[in-house]
Amino acid sequence: MLDDPLFLMGAFGAFVVLAILMVGIGGFAKGGDFNRKHANRIMRYRIIAQAVVVIIIVAFAWLRSKG
């Protein structure tokens, strides 16, 4: 599995989603000006990144099931 580039892209993408989520949660916890300016944008980026990763994971599973 580690030699499959689609698997590696999915794993890397999952870590990117996690990083975006942690920045968003940190912004919510801190509050203030940063949260007011960037909270919605950061969560939009997370949703988009999460959708891309789900598509990659589904493609990986579909290709692996084909043989």
N, C-alpha and C. Protein backbone atom coordinates (compact mmCIF):
# COMPACT_ATOMS: atom_id res chain seq x y z
N MET A 1 0.81 -1.20 0.00
CA MET A 1 0.00 0.00 0.00
C MET A 1 0.86 1.26 0.00
N LEU A 2 1.99 1.22 0.66
CA LEU A 2 2.82 2.42 0.75
C LEU A 2 3.45 2.81 -0.58
N ASP A 3 3.43 1.92 -1.56
CA ASP A 3 3.96 2.26 -2.87
C ASP A 3 2.89 2.81 -3.81
N ASP A 4 1.66 2.89 -3.34
CA ASP A 4 0.55 3.41 -4.14
C ASP A 4 0.44 4.92 -3.94
N PRO A 5 0.62 5.70 -5.01
CA PRO A 5 0.57 7.16 -4.85
C PRO A 5 -0.80 7.69 -4.41
N LEU A 6 -1.87 7.00 -4.79
CA LEU A 6 -3.20 7.44 -4.38
C LEU A 6 -3.39 7.30 -2.88
N PHE A 7 -2.84 6.22 -2.32
CA PHE A 7 -2.90 6.03 -0.86
C PHE A 7 -2.12 7.13 -0.15
N LEU A 8 -0.93 7.43 -0.67
CA LEU A 8 -0.10 8.47 -0.06
C LEU A 8 -0.77 9.85 -0.15
N MET A 9 -1.43 10.11 -1.28
CA MET A 9 -2.16 11.38 -1.41
C MET A 9 -3.30 11.46 -0.40
N GLY A 10 -4.00 10.35 -0.22
CA GLY A 10 -5.10 10.32 0.75
C GLY A 10 -4.61 10.53 2.17
N ALA A 11 -3.50 9.88 2.52
CA ALA A 11 -2.95 10.03 3.86
C ALA A 11 -2.45 11.45 4.09
N PHE A 12 -1.75 12.01 3.11
CA PHE A 12 -1.27 13.38 3.23
C PHE A 12 -2.44 14.35 3.33
N GLY A 13 -3.47 14.12 2.52
CA GLY A 13 -4.66 14.98 2.55
C GLY A 13 -5.36 14.93 3.90
N ALA A 14 -5.39 13.74 4.51
CA ALA A 14 -6.01 13.62 5.83
C ALA A 14 -5.25 14.45 6.86
N PHE A 15 -3.93 14.47 6.76
CA PHE A 15 -3.14 15.30 7.68
C PHE A 15 -3.34 16.79 7.40
N VAL A 16 -3.53 17.15 6.14
CA VAL A 16 -3.82 18.55 5.80
C VAL A 16 -5.16 18.97 6.41
N VAL A 17 -6.16 18.11 6.29
CA VAL A 17 -7.47 18.40 6.89
C VAL A 17 -7.33 18.54 8.41
N LEU A 18 -6.56 17.65 9.02
CA LEU A 18 -6.33 17.74 10.47
C LEU A 18 -5.66 19.06 10.84
N ALA A 19 -4.67 19.48 10.07
CA ALA A 19 -3.98 20.74 10.36
C ALA A 19 -4.93 21.93 10.24
N ILE A 20 -5.75 21.94 9.19
CA ILE A 20 -6.72 23.04 9.02
C ILE A 20 -7.71 23.04 10.17
N LEU A 21 -8.16 21.85 10.57
CA LEU A 21 -9.10 21.75 11.69
C LEU A 21 -8.48 22.28 12.98
N MET A 22 -7.21 21.95 13.22
CA MET A 22 -6.56 22.41 14.45
C MET A 22 -6.39 23.93 14.45
N VAL A 23 -6.07 24.51 13.30
CA VAL A 23 -5.97 25.97 13.22
C VAL A 23 -7.33 26.60 13.49
N GLY A 24 -8.38 26.02 12.93
CA GLY A 24 -9.73 26.54 13.16
C GLY A 24 -10.16 26.44 14.60
N ILE A 25 -9.89 25.30 15.24
CA ILE A 25 -10.25 25.14 16.65
C ILE A 25 -9.43 26.07 17.52
N GLY A 26 -8.15 26.22 17.18
CA GLY A 26 -7.31 27.16 17.93
C GLY A 26 -7.81 28.59 17.82
N GLY A 27 -8.27 28.95 16.62
CA GLY A 27 -8.83 30.29 16.43
C GLY A 27 -10.10 30.49 17.23
N PHE A 28 -10.96 29.45 17.26
CA PHE A 28 -12.19 29.55 18.05
C PHE A 28 -11.86 29.69 19.53
N ALA A 29 -10.87 28.93 19.99
CA ALA A 29 -10.51 28.95 21.41
C ALA A 29 -9.91 30.30 21.79
N LYS A 30 -9.08 30.84 20.90
CA LYS A 30 -8.44 32.12 21.20
C LYS A 30 -9.43 33.27 21.09
N GLY A 31 -10.31 33.18 20.08
CA GLY A 31 -11.29 34.24 19.88
C GLY A 31 -10.63 35.49 19.34
N GLY A 32 -11.22 36.61 19.59
CA GLY A 32 -10.64 37.89 19.22
C GLY A 32 -10.74 38.20 17.74
N ASP A 33 -9.83 39.06 17.30
CA ASP A 33 -9.85 39.59 15.94
C ASP A 33 -9.57 38.51 14.89
N PHE A 34 -8.62 37.63 15.18
CA PHE A 34 -8.30 36.56 14.23
C PHE A 34 -9.52 35.71 13.95
N ASN A 35 -10.23 35.34 14.99
CA ASN A 35 -11.42 34.49 14.84
C ASN A 35 -12.50 35.21 14.03
N ARG A 36 -12.71 36.48 14.30
CA ARG A 36 -13.74 37.22 13.56
C ARG A 36 -13.40 37.33 12.08
N LYS A 37 -12.12 37.52 11.75
CA LYS A 37 -11.73 37.71 10.36
C LYS A 37 -11.64 36.41 9.57
N HIS A 38 -11.19 35.33 10.20
CA HIS A 38 -10.81 34.16 9.43
C HIS A 38 -11.56 32.86 9.74
N ALA A 39 -12.43 32.83 10.71
CA ALA A 39 -13.06 31.58 11.15
C ALA A 39 -13.85 30.91 10.02
N ASN A 40 -14.69 31.65 9.34
CA ASN A 40 -15.51 31.06 8.28
C ASN A 40 -14.66 30.60 7.10
N ARG A 41 -13.65 31.38 6.75
CA ARG A 41 -12.79 31.01 5.64
C ARG A 41 -12.01 29.74 5.94
N ILE A 42 -11.50 29.62 7.15
CA ILE A 42 -10.74 28.42 7.52
C ILE A 42 -11.64 27.19 7.49
N MET A 43 -12.83 27.31 7.99
CA MET A 43 -13.73 26.16 7.98
C MET A 43 -14.19 25.82 6.55
N ARG A 44 -14.32 26.81 5.68
CA ARG A 44 -14.62 26.54 4.27
C ARG A 44 -13.48 25.76 3.62
N TYR A 45 -12.24 26.17 3.92
CA TYR A 45 -11.07 25.44 3.41
C TYR A 45 -11.07 24.00 3.91
N ARG A 46 -11.47 23.80 5.16
CA ARG A 46 -11.52 22.45 5.72
C ARG A 46 -12.55 21.60 4.99
N ILE A 47 -13.72 22.16 4.72
CA ILE A 47 -14.78 21.42 4.03
C ILE A 47 -14.32 21.03 2.62
N ILE A 48 -13.68 21.96 1.92
CA ILE A 48 -13.20 21.68 0.57
C ILE A 48 -12.12 20.61 0.60
N ALA A 49 -11.16 20.75 1.51
CA ALA A 49 -10.08 19.77 1.62
C ALA A 49 -10.64 18.40 2.00
N GLN A 50 -11.60 18.38 2.88
CA GLN A 50 -12.21 17.13 3.32
C GLN A 50 -12.94 16.46 2.15
N ALA A 51 -13.63 17.21 1.34
CA ALA A 51 -14.32 16.64 0.18
C ALA A 51 -13.32 16.04 -0.81
N VAL A 52 -12.22 16.73 -1.03
CA VAL A 52 -11.19 16.22 -1.95
C VAL A 52 -10.61 14.92 -1.41
N VAL A 53 -10.33 14.88 -0.11
CA VAL A 53 -9.77 13.66 0.48
C VAL A 53 -10.76 12.51 0.42
N VAL A 54 -12.02 12.77 0.64
CA VAL A 54 -13.02 11.70 0.54
C VAL A 54 -13.07 11.16 -0.89
N ILE A 55 -13.00 12.02 -1.88
CA ILE A 55 -12.98 11.58 -3.28
C ILE A 55 -11.74 10.73 -3.54
N ILE A 56 -10.59 11.14 -3.02
CA ILE A 56 -9.35 10.36 -3.20
C ILE A 56 -9.47 9.00 -2.54
N ILE A 57 -10.02 8.95 -1.34
CA ILE A 57 -10.16 7.67 -0.63
C ILE A 57 -11.13 6.75 -1.34
N VAL A 58 -12.23 7.29 -1.84
CA VAL A 58 -13.19 6.47 -2.58
C VAL A 58 -12.55 5.96 -3.88
N ALA A 59 -11.80 6.81 -4.56
CA ALA A 59 -11.11 6.37 -5.78
C ALA A 59 -10.10 5.28 -5.47
N PHE A 60 -9.38 5.42 -4.37
CA PHE A 60 -8.41 4.41 -3.97
C PHE A 60 -9.11 3.08 -3.69
N ALA A 61 -10.19 3.11 -2.95
CA ALA A 61 -10.93 1.89 -2.63
C ALA A 61 -11.51 1.25 -3.89
N TRP A 62 -12.02 2.07 -4.78
CA TRP A 62 -12.60 1.55 -6.02
C TRP A 62 -11.53 0.90 -6.89
N LEU A 63 -10.38 1.56 -7.04
CA LEU A 63 -9.31 1.00 -7.84
C LEU A 63 -8.73 -0.26 -7.23
N ARG A 64 -8.64 -0.33 -5.90
CA ARG A 64 -8.12 -1.52 -5.25
C ARG A 64 -9.09 -2.69 -5.39
N SER A 65 -10.38 -2.42 -5.42
CA SER A 65 -11.35 -3.50 -5.55
C SER A 65 -11.37 -4.08 -6.97
N LYS A 66 -10.93 -3.28 -7.94
CA LYS A 66 -10.89 -3.73 -9.33
C LYS A 66 -9.76 -4.73 -9.55
N GLY A 67 -8.77 -4.74 -8.66
CA GLY A 67 -7.67 -5.69 -8.81
C GLY A 67 -6.47 -5.01 -9.24
